[in-house]
């Protein structure tokens, strides 16, 4: 039997809404969830904590800290947790699906338009402006998350070390997460140990094992069927394996996922070009839902181009396989781990490990910002290897002056005029189109 929420006698007792009301509220959240995880987390806080008091402040913040540790999109997992907390399994499924499905449908439609018309001069001009806006958006996200996550010299050093390990030495991200967690756990030993929050209800281990076993079976078996039907070398099987790996090892949300997957998608598999990866995130920024829906865009284009069958049918299967491999594990992590959230946050050493991992994610996003800047502003990037160092160095003569000007305008719109993400994207697309004419 799957883990169900236990009542904590020490916690606040917020109202428990009817299931129909839950569907209505999370349906609205799913349609309105523009602007990436920060905006989505703020939207859910206003809806669930401030206005309806369905969750207490402590419950919401404890769940957010836990979700930031998990691989995958923290905002989607936070929505799933909220639904689980309110209505158990069906509440978690409903909240998570309603958070994802509106954006997934829109991304699929946009991906089909992109693969059909994306190389036309008109579309290329529009996407140049979107790329410039995305660069500014990523920089803003970096600064915002750094202010929230970095608390003291230790955190700054962890973030810097994570950036150097990724950018200069190409260290696998899971190793960085493990190292950061270990540092955070060990540094807690130097500090006085004090309780954090109230003791939580114990959860039988066998119940969690059953939850994980059932969840993994639901996740893996359909993907194995794809491999048996189409063969291990087919693009659908490759998508299933690739995104299943990402679901396990990619921490820090869509920005970290893009950093981790870009090289393989572009260089190893040849499914997309570097510029198309930027377009993918630009499209995800313009639509509701988690930014990790860029994986659906990749799956749709890869299957359309390399599926070997009717393009539309292959594209639909590519989108479904990518969504299944990306999001089903998110439900598994929440349904298995949600009962332990209060217990983890009540342990000072584990709480310190969580904070260190969050600091490392700042270094990941800094690495992504550099990656974006290089590919938006320069047409050619050289690889320089000096011993263990593996550096990406721009060819200065390949600077795209138009892109640089557009990126400067996007920075002004976001940081000086303080426009929203949607307004900035729309203005930059229109400005880029006007320049091209």
Protein backbone atom coordinates (compact mmCIF):
# COMPACT_ATOMS: atom_id res chain seq x y z
CA UNK A 1 0.00 0.00 0.00
CA UNK A 2 1.32 3.46 -0.88
CA UNK A 3 2.38 5.85 1.86
CA UNK A 4 -0.46 8.06 3.02
CA UNK A 5 -0.13 11.31 4.99
CA UNK A 6 -0.11 10.98 8.77
CA UNK A 7 -1.55 13.68 10.97
CA UNK A 8 1.13 15.50 12.97
CA UNK A 9 -0.27 16.53 16.36
CA UNK A 10 2.36 19.28 16.64
CA UNK A 11 1.57 20.91 13.31
CA UNK A 12 -1.08 23.50 12.47
CA UNK A 13 -4.42 22.08 11.32
CA UNK A 14 -5.26 23.91 8.09
CA UNK A 15 -8.55 23.41 6.32
CA UNK A 16 -9.00 20.25 4.25
CA UNK A 17 -10.81 21.12 1.02
CA UNK A 18 -13.18 18.89 -0.93
CA UNK A 19 -11.44 16.98 -3.72
CA UNK A 20 -13.41 18.92 -6.34
CA UNK A 21 -12.05 22.18 -4.92
CA UNK A 22 -8.51 20.77 -5.06
CA UNK A 23 -8.97 19.96 -8.75
CA UNK A 24 -10.22 23.47 -9.44
CA UNK A 25 -7.37 25.22 -7.63
CA UNK A 26 -4.56 23.09 -9.05
CA UNK A 27 -6.08 23.33 -12.51
CA UNK A 28 -5.83 27.11 -12.22
CA UNK A 29 -2.27 26.85 -10.89
CA UNK A 30 -1.31 24.65 -13.84
CA UNK A 31 -2.62 27.17 -16.36
CA UNK A 32 -1.09 30.19 -14.59
CA UNK A 33 2.31 28.70 -13.72
CA UNK A 34 4.46 30.83 -16.01
CA UNK A 35 7.90 32.16 -15.20
CA UNK A 36 9.87 29.18 -13.92
CA UNK A 37 10.15 27.58 -10.48
CA UNK A 38 10.56 30.78 -8.45
CA UNK A 39 7.32 32.25 -9.80
CA UNK A 40 5.54 28.89 -9.52
CA UNK A 41 6.61 28.42 -5.90
CA UNK A 42 5.42 31.94 -5.08
CA UNK A 43 2.09 31.31 -6.83
CA UNK A 44 1.46 28.10 -4.89
CA UNK A 45 2.43 29.78 -1.62
CA UNK A 46 -0.14 32.50 -2.21
CA UNK A 47 -2.87 30.03 -3.23
CA UNK A 48 -2.24 27.26 -0.68
CA UNK A 49 -0.82 29.07 2.37
CA UNK A 50 -1.85 32.74 2.30
CA UNK A 51 -5.33 32.62 0.77
CA UNK A 52 -6.68 29.15 1.63
CA UNK A 53 -4.47 27.99 4.52
CA UNK A 54 -4.55 24.44 3.20
CA UNK A 55 -0.92 24.11 4.32
CA UNK A 56 0.81 25.83 7.20
CA UNK A 57 3.89 27.97 6.58
CA UNK A 58 6.12 25.37 8.23
CA UNK A 59 4.67 22.50 6.20
CA UNK A 60 5.16 24.41 2.96
CA UNK A 61 8.76 25.46 3.68
CA UNK A 62 9.77 22.01 4.92
CA UNK A 63 8.39 20.44 1.76
CA UNK A 64 10.16 23.02 -0.41
CA UNK A 65 13.53 22.28 1.21
CA UNK A 66 13.03 18.57 0.64
CA UNK A 67 11.95 18.98 -3.00
CA UNK A 68 15.02 21.07 -3.77
CA UNK A 69 17.15 18.07 -2.82
CA UNK A 70 15.32 15.68 -5.15
CA UNK A 71 16.19 15.18 -8.81
CA UNK A 72 13.64 16.74 -11.13
CA UNK A 73 11.44 19.87 -11.05
CA UNK A 74 11.01 21.10 -7.48
CA UNK A 75 7.86 23.12 -8.20
CA UNK A 76 6.04 20.13 -9.75
CA UNK A 77 7.12 17.92 -6.85
CA UNK A 78 5.99 20.56 -4.37
CA UNK A 79 2.55 20.60 -6.03
CA UNK A 80 2.44 16.80 -5.84
CA UNK A 81 3.34 16.90 -2.15
CA UNK A 82 0.64 19.48 -1.44
CA UNK A 83 -1.97 17.33 -3.16
CA UNK A 84 -0.74 14.24 -1.28
CA UNK A 85 -0.86 16.11 2.02
CA UNK A 86 -4.46 17.13 1.40
CA UNK A 87 -5.96 14.03 -0.25
CA UNK A 88 -3.40 11.22 -0.20
CA UNK A 89 -2.51 9.33 -3.36
CA UNK A 90 -5.29 10.64 -5.58
CA UNK A 91 -4.63 14.20 -4.42
CA UNK A 92 -0.94 13.93 -5.24
CA UNK A 93 -1.60 12.43 -8.67
CA UNK A 94 -4.21 15.07 -9.48
CA UNK A 95 -2.10 18.02 -8.34
CA UNK A 96 1.05 16.82 -10.12
CA UNK A 97 -0.74 16.01 -13.37
CA UNK A 98 -2.66 19.29 -13.43
CA UNK A 99 0.60 21.13 -12.90
CA UNK A 100 2.24 19.44 -15.92
CA UNK A 101 -0.45 18.69 -18.53
CA UNK A 102 -1.38 22.22 -19.75
CA UNK A 103 2.23 23.08 -20.50
CA UNK A 104 2.92 19.63 -21.98
CA UNK A 105 0.11 20.01 -24.52
CA UNK A 106 1.31 23.46 -25.50
CA UNK A 107 4.96 22.39 -25.79
CA UNK A 108 4.00 19.48 -28.06
CA UNK A 109 2.09 21.81 -30.38
CA UNK A 110 4.95 24.32 -30.43
CA UNK A 111 7.51 21.56 -31.08
CA UNK A 112 5.52 20.40 -34.12
CA UNK A 113 5.41 23.97 -35.43
CA UNK A 114 9.11 24.36 -34.73
CA UNK A 115 10.19 21.19 -36.51
CA UNK A 116 8.05 22.25 -39.49
CA UNK A 117 8.74 26.00 -39.66
CA UNK A 118 11.60 26.63 -37.21
CA UNK A 119 14.25 27.06 -39.91
CA UNK A 120 12.33 29.74 -41.80
CA UNK A 121 13.90 33.23 -41.66
CA UNK A 122 10.87 34.65 -39.84
CA UNK A 123 11.01 32.01 -37.11
CA UNK A 124 14.80 32.26 -36.85
CA UNK A 125 14.55 36.02 -36.30
CA UNK A 126 11.95 35.58 -33.56
CA UNK A 127 13.98 32.90 -31.79
CA UNK A 128 17.11 35.04 -31.78
CA UNK A 129 15.26 37.55 -29.60
CA UNK A 130 13.93 34.74 -27.40
CA UNK A 131 17.47 33.39 -26.92
CA UNK A 132 18.68 36.82 -25.83
CA UNK A 133 15.79 37.10 -23.37
CA UNK A 134 16.44 33.61 -22.00
CA UNK A 135 20.07 34.57 -21.32
CA UNK A 136 18.90 37.51 -19.21
CA UNK A 137 16.29 35.32 -17.48
CA UNK A 138 18.89 32.71 -16.54
CA UNK A 139 21.17 35.42 -15.10
CA UNK A 140 18.26 36.79 -13.08
CA UNK A 141 17.46 33.29 -11.82
CA UNK A 142 21.10 32.82 -10.82
CA UNK A 143 21.13 36.02 -8.75
CA UNK A 144 17.77 35.31 -7.17
CA UNK A 145 18.65 31.76 -6.14
CA UNK A 146 22.10 32.82 -4.92
CA UNK A 147 20.56 35.41 -2.59
CA UNK A 148 18.23 32.78 -1.17
CA UNK A 149 20.58 29.80 -1.01
CA UNK A 150 24.01 31.17 -0.07
CA UNK A 151 24.20 31.93 3.63
CA UNK A 152 27.78 32.40 4.79
CA UNK A 153 31.26 31.81 3.42
CA UNK A 154 30.88 28.00 3.42
CA UNK A 155 27.97 28.14 0.97
CA UNK A 156 29.78 30.57 -1.33
CA UNK A 157 32.83 28.30 -1.44
CA UNK A 158 30.67 25.25 -2.19
CA UNK A 159 28.96 27.09 -5.06
CA UNK A 160 32.31 28.25 -6.48
CA UNK A 161 33.79 24.76 -6.23
CA UNK A 162 30.77 23.27 -8.01
CA UNK A 163 31.10 25.77 -10.87
CA UNK A 164 34.83 25.12 -11.31
CA UNK A 165 34.32 21.35 -11.21
CA UNK A 166 31.67 21.54 -13.94
CA UNK A 167 33.12 24.24 -16.18
CA UNK A 168 36.82 23.44 -16.01
CA UNK A 169 36.99 19.72 -15.20
CA UNK A 170 33.67 18.32 -16.53
CA UNK A 171 33.04 16.47 -13.25
CA UNK A 172 29.75 14.46 -13.30
CA UNK A 173 27.01 16.33 -11.48
CA UNK A 174 26.02 13.41 -9.19
CA UNK A 175 29.53 13.42 -7.72
CA UNK A 176 29.22 17.14 -7.03
CA UNK A 177 25.90 16.58 -5.24
CA UNK A 178 27.34 13.77 -3.12
CA UNK A 179 30.42 15.84 -2.24
CA UNK A 180 28.32 18.88 -1.31
CA UNK A 181 26.01 16.78 0.83
CA UNK A 182 28.98 15.22 2.62
CA UNK A 183 30.52 18.64 3.29
CA UNK A 184 27.22 19.94 4.64
CA UNK A 185 26.79 16.91 6.88
CA UNK A 186 30.33 17.15 8.26
CA UNK A 187 30.22 20.90 8.88
CA UNK A 188 27.17 20.38 11.09
CA UNK A 189 29.41 18.47 13.50
CA UNK A 190 31.32 21.69 14.20
CA UNK A 191 28.17 23.46 15.28
CA UNK A 192 26.04 23.00 18.41
CA UNK A 193 23.33 20.45 17.70
CA UNK A 194 19.86 21.72 18.38
CA UNK A 195 16.42 20.38 17.40
CA UNK A 196 14.78 21.73 14.27
CA UNK A 197 11.01 21.50 14.49
CA UNK A 198 8.90 18.90 16.28
CA UNK A 199 9.48 15.13 16.17
CA UNK A 200 7.62 13.47 13.30
CA UNK A 201 5.58 10.29 13.19
CA UNK A 202 7.66 7.16 12.45
CA UNK A 203 7.02 5.46 9.09
CA UNK A 204 7.29 1.64 8.75
CA UNK A 205 10.17 0.81 6.40
CA UNK A 206 8.25 -2.01 4.71
CA UNK A 207 5.58 0.50 3.66
CA UNK A 208 8.18 2.67 1.94
CA UNK A 209 9.77 -0.36 0.22
CA UNK A 210 6.37 -1.33 -1.20
CA UNK A 211 5.78 2.22 -2.43
CA UNK A 212 9.16 2.39 -4.17
CA UNK A 213 8.81 -1.09 -5.70
CA UNK A 214 5.39 -0.37 -7.15
CA UNK A 215 6.41 3.08 -8.36
CA UNK A 216 9.56 1.85 -10.10
CA UNK A 217 7.59 -0.92 -11.80
CA UNK A 218 5.04 1.59 -13.13
CA UNK A 219 7.91 3.77 -14.34
CA UNK A 220 10.17 1.16 -15.95
CA UNK A 221 7.90 -1.54 -17.41
CA UNK A 222 6.27 0.63 -20.14
CA UNK A 223 9.73 1.86 -21.21
CA UNK A 224 11.01 -1.72 -21.39
CA UNK A 225 8.03 -2.52 -23.61
CA UNK A 226 9.09 0.30 -25.96
CA UNK A 227 12.58 -1.21 -26.19
CA UNK A 228 11.17 -4.68 -26.92
CA UNK A 229 8.82 -3.39 -29.61
CA UNK A 230 11.17 -1.04 -31.44
CA UNK A 231 14.59 -2.46 -30.53
CA UNK A 232 17.29 -1.18 -28.22
CA UNK A 233 18.91 1.00 -30.91
CA UNK A 234 15.71 2.84 -31.89
CA UNK A 235 15.47 6.51 -31.01
CA UNK A 236 12.45 5.88 -28.75
CA UNK A 237 14.44 3.33 -26.73
CA UNK A 238 17.38 5.72 -26.55
CA UNK A 239 15.08 8.50 -25.35
CA UNK A 240 13.60 6.21 -22.69
CA UNK A 241 17.02 5.22 -21.35
CA UNK A 242 18.53 8.70 -21.57
CA UNK A 243 15.71 10.56 -19.81
CA UNK A 244 15.36 7.81 -17.21
CA UNK A 245 19.01 8.37 -16.31
CA UNK A 246 18.39 12.12 -16.14
CA UNK A 247 15.42 11.56 -13.84
CA UNK A 248 17.74 9.91 -11.32
CA UNK A 249 20.83 12.14 -11.45
CA UNK A 250 19.72 15.64 -12.43
CA UNK A 251 19.26 17.84 -9.38
CA UNK A 252 18.44 21.53 -9.38
CA UNK A 253 15.51 21.71 -11.82
CA UNK A 254 15.43 22.49 -15.54
CA UNK A 255 18.54 24.70 -15.57
CA UNK A 256 20.66 21.91 -14.15
CA UNK A 257 19.01 19.37 -16.48
CA UNK A 258 19.89 21.45 -19.53
CA UNK A 259 23.51 21.69 -18.44
CA UNK A 260 23.71 17.95 -17.92
CA UNK A 261 21.91 16.84 -21.08
CA UNK A 262 23.00 19.44 -23.65
CA UNK A 263 26.30 17.83 -24.57
CA UNK A 264 24.83 14.36 -25.12
CA UNK A 265 21.76 15.60 -27.00
CA UNK A 266 23.84 17.76 -29.36
CA UNK A 267 27.17 15.96 -29.68
CA UNK A 268 26.60 12.31 -28.77
CA UNK A 269 23.18 11.63 -30.28
CA UNK A 270 22.89 14.50 -32.78
CA UNK A 271 19.19 14.93 -32.06
CA UNK A 272 19.35 18.75 -31.86
CA UNK A 273 21.82 21.52 -32.58
CA UNK A 274 23.15 23.82 -29.84
CA UNK A 275 20.94 26.69 -30.98
CA UNK A 276 17.89 24.46 -30.90
CA UNK A 277 18.59 23.64 -27.25
CA UNK A 278 18.37 27.35 -26.50
CA UNK A 279 15.14 27.56 -28.49
CA UNK A 280 13.77 24.68 -26.43
CA UNK A 281 14.25 26.52 -23.14
CA UNK A 282 12.92 29.70 -24.72
CA UNK A 283 9.69 27.90 -25.63
CA UNK A 284 9.45 26.39 -22.14
CA UNK A 285 9.84 29.89 -20.65
CA UNK A 286 6.83 31.13 -22.65
CA UNK A 287 4.47 28.35 -21.55
CA UNK A 288 2.97 27.28 -18.22
CA UNK A 289 4.31 24.30 -16.33
CA UNK A 290 7.80 23.21 -15.26
CA UNK A 291 10.76 24.28 -17.39
CA UNK A 292 11.89 20.67 -17.48
CA UNK A 293 9.33 20.24 -20.26
CA UNK A 294 12.33 21.00 -22.50
CA UNK A 295 12.81 17.21 -22.40
CA UNK A 296 9.47 16.79 -24.20
CA UNK A 297 10.62 19.23 -26.88
CA UNK A 298 13.82 17.22 -27.37
CA UNK A 299 11.91 13.93 -27.53
CA UNK A 300 9.42 15.28 -30.05
CA UNK A 301 12.10 16.58 -32.44
CA UNK A 302 14.33 13.52 -32.06
CA UNK A 303 11.55 11.06 -32.82
CA UNK A 304 10.20 13.17 -35.70
CA UNK A 305 13.62 13.21 -37.36
CA UNK A 306 14.95 9.76 -36.50
CA UNK A 307 11.90 7.60 -35.74
CA UNK A 308 11.79 5.94 -39.15
CA UNK A 309 7.97 5.93 -39.25
CA UNK A 310 5.15 8.42 -39.86
CA UNK A 311 6.61 11.69 -38.50
CA UNK A 312 3.57 12.79 -36.50
CA UNK A 313 3.08 9.37 -34.89
CA UNK A 314 6.78 9.14 -34.05
CA UNK A 315 6.75 12.69 -32.63
CA UNK A 316 3.77 11.85 -30.40
CA UNK A 317 5.49 8.70 -29.15
CA UNK A 318 8.72 10.64 -28.56
CA UNK A 319 6.83 13.21 -26.50
CA UNK A 320 5.03 10.53 -24.46
CA UNK A 321 8.20 8.54 -23.80
CA UNK A 322 10.08 11.67 -22.71
CA UNK A 323 7.26 12.80 -20.43
CA UNK A 324 6.86 9.34 -18.89
CA UNK A 325 10.59 8.89 -18.23
CA UNK A 326 10.90 12.42 -16.83
CA UNK A 327 7.84 12.81 -14.60
CA UNK A 328 6.80 9.37 -13.34
CA UNK A 329 9.93 9.18 -11.14
CA UNK A 330 8.96 12.54 -9.62
CA UNK A 331 5.75 10.99 -8.31
CA UNK A 332 7.72 8.03 -6.96
CA UNK A 333 10.16 10.28 -5.06
CA UNK A 334 7.31 12.25 -3.46
CA UNK A 335 5.05 9.33 -2.54
CA UNK A 336 8.01 7.48 -1.02
CA UNK A 337 9.74 10.44 0.63
CA UNK A 338 6.93 12.78 1.67
CA UNK A 339 6.27 11.01 4.99
CA UNK A 340 9.91 11.61 5.97
CA UNK A 341 9.97 15.37 5.30
CA UNK A 342 9.38 16.40 8.90
CA UNK A 343 11.91 13.83 10.15
CA UNK A 344 14.65 15.06 7.79
CA UNK A 345 14.13 18.71 8.61
CA UNK A 346 14.17 17.92 12.34
CA UNK A 347 17.73 16.51 12.04
CA UNK A 348 20.36 19.30 12.13
CA UNK A 349 23.00 17.37 10.16
CA UNK A 350 20.61 16.39 7.38
CA UNK A 351 19.29 19.94 7.22
CA UNK A 352 22.89 21.15 6.84
CA UNK A 353 23.45 18.63 4.02
CA UNK A 354 20.35 19.96 2.25
CA UNK A 355 21.67 23.52 2.48
CA UNK A 356 25.05 22.49 1.03
CA UNK A 357 23.42 20.74 -1.93
CA UNK A 358 21.35 23.85 -2.60
CA UNK A 359 24.57 25.92 -2.58
CA UNK A 360 26.12 23.54 -5.13
CA UNK A 361 23.09 24.04 -7.38
CA UNK A 362 23.97 27.75 -7.53
CA UNK A 363 27.30 26.75 -9.09
CA UNK A 364 25.44 24.59 -11.59
CA UNK A 365 23.25 27.49 -12.67
CA UNK A 366 26.33 29.72 -13.00
CA UNK A 367 27.82 27.12 -15.33
CA UNK A 368 24.61 27.12 -17.34
CA UNK A 369 24.68 30.91 -17.57
CA UNK A 370 28.17 30.78 -19.05
CA UNK A 371 27.09 28.01 -21.45
CA UNK A 372 24.12 30.11 -22.60
CA UNK A 373 26.19 33.25 -23.02
CA UNK A 374 28.79 31.49 -25.16
CA UNK A 375 26.25 29.91 -27.51
CA UNK A 376 24.01 32.97 -27.82
CA UNK A 377 26.76 35.53 -28.38
CA UNK A 378 29.28 33.53 -30.43
CA UNK A 379 28.88 31.37 -33.53
CA UNK A 380 32.03 29.32 -32.82
CA UNK A 381 33.20 27.78 -29.55
CA UNK A 382 36.64 26.15 -29.32
CA UNK A 383 37.49 23.31 -26.94
CA UNK A 384 40.82 23.79 -25.15
CA UNK A 385 42.35 20.95 -23.12
CA UNK A 386 45.28 21.61 -20.79
CA UNK A 387 45.96 18.51 -18.74
CA UNK A 388 42.79 17.80 -16.77
CA UNK A 389 41.30 21.18 -17.73
CA UNK A 390 38.60 21.12 -20.43
CA UNK A 391 37.61 24.69 -21.28
CA UNK A 392 35.10 26.12 -23.76
CA UNK A 393 36.63 29.28 -25.26
CA UNK A 394 34.72 31.57 -27.66
CA UNK A 395 36.19 32.54 -31.01
CA UNK A 396 36.03 36.32 -30.62
CA UNK A 397 35.76 36.98 -34.35
CA UNK A 398 32.48 35.02 -34.39
CA UNK A 399 30.69 37.46 -32.06
CA UNK A 400 27.05 38.01 -33.09
CA UNK A 401 26.67 41.77 -32.60
CA UNK A 402 22.88 41.66 -33.02
CA UNK A 403 22.57 39.00 -30.33
CA UNK A 404 24.80 41.01 -27.99
CA UNK A 405 22.66 44.13 -28.45
CA UNK A 406 19.46 42.15 -27.90
CA UNK A 407 20.87 40.54 -24.76
CA UNK A 408 21.75 44.00 -23.41
CA UNK A 409 18.21 45.22 -24.05
CA UNK A 410 16.77 42.13 -22.35
CA UNK A 411 18.92 42.79 -19.28
CA UNK A 412 17.62 46.37 -19.14
CA UNK A 413 14.00 45.21 -19.44
CA UNK A 414 14.36 42.68 -16.62
CA UNK A 415 16.69 44.45 -14.22
CA UNK A 416 15.95 48.17 -14.81
CA UNK A 417 12.39 48.33 -16.16
CA UNK A 418 11.53 45.26 -14.02
CA UNK A 419 9.18 43.80 -16.62
CA UNK A 420 7.86 40.27 -16.20
CA UNK A 421 9.22 37.28 -18.06
CA UNK A 422 6.34 37.05 -20.54
CA UNK A 423 6.50 40.76 -21.36
CA UNK A 424 10.28 40.60 -21.83
CA UNK A 425 10.04 37.57 -24.13
CA UNK A 426 7.32 39.18 -26.23
CA UNK A 427 9.20 42.48 -26.58
CA UNK A 428 12.48 40.74 -27.45
CA UNK A 429 10.83 38.54 -30.07
CA UNK A 430 9.17 41.59 -31.67
CA UNK A 431 12.39 43.62 -31.51
CA UNK A 432 14.44 40.85 -33.08
CA UNK A 433 11.86 40.51 -35.85
CA UNK A 434 11.96 44.26 -36.48
CA UNK A 435 15.76 44.24 -36.68
CA UNK A 436 15.69 41.39 -39.17
CA UNK A 437 13.39 43.40 -41.43
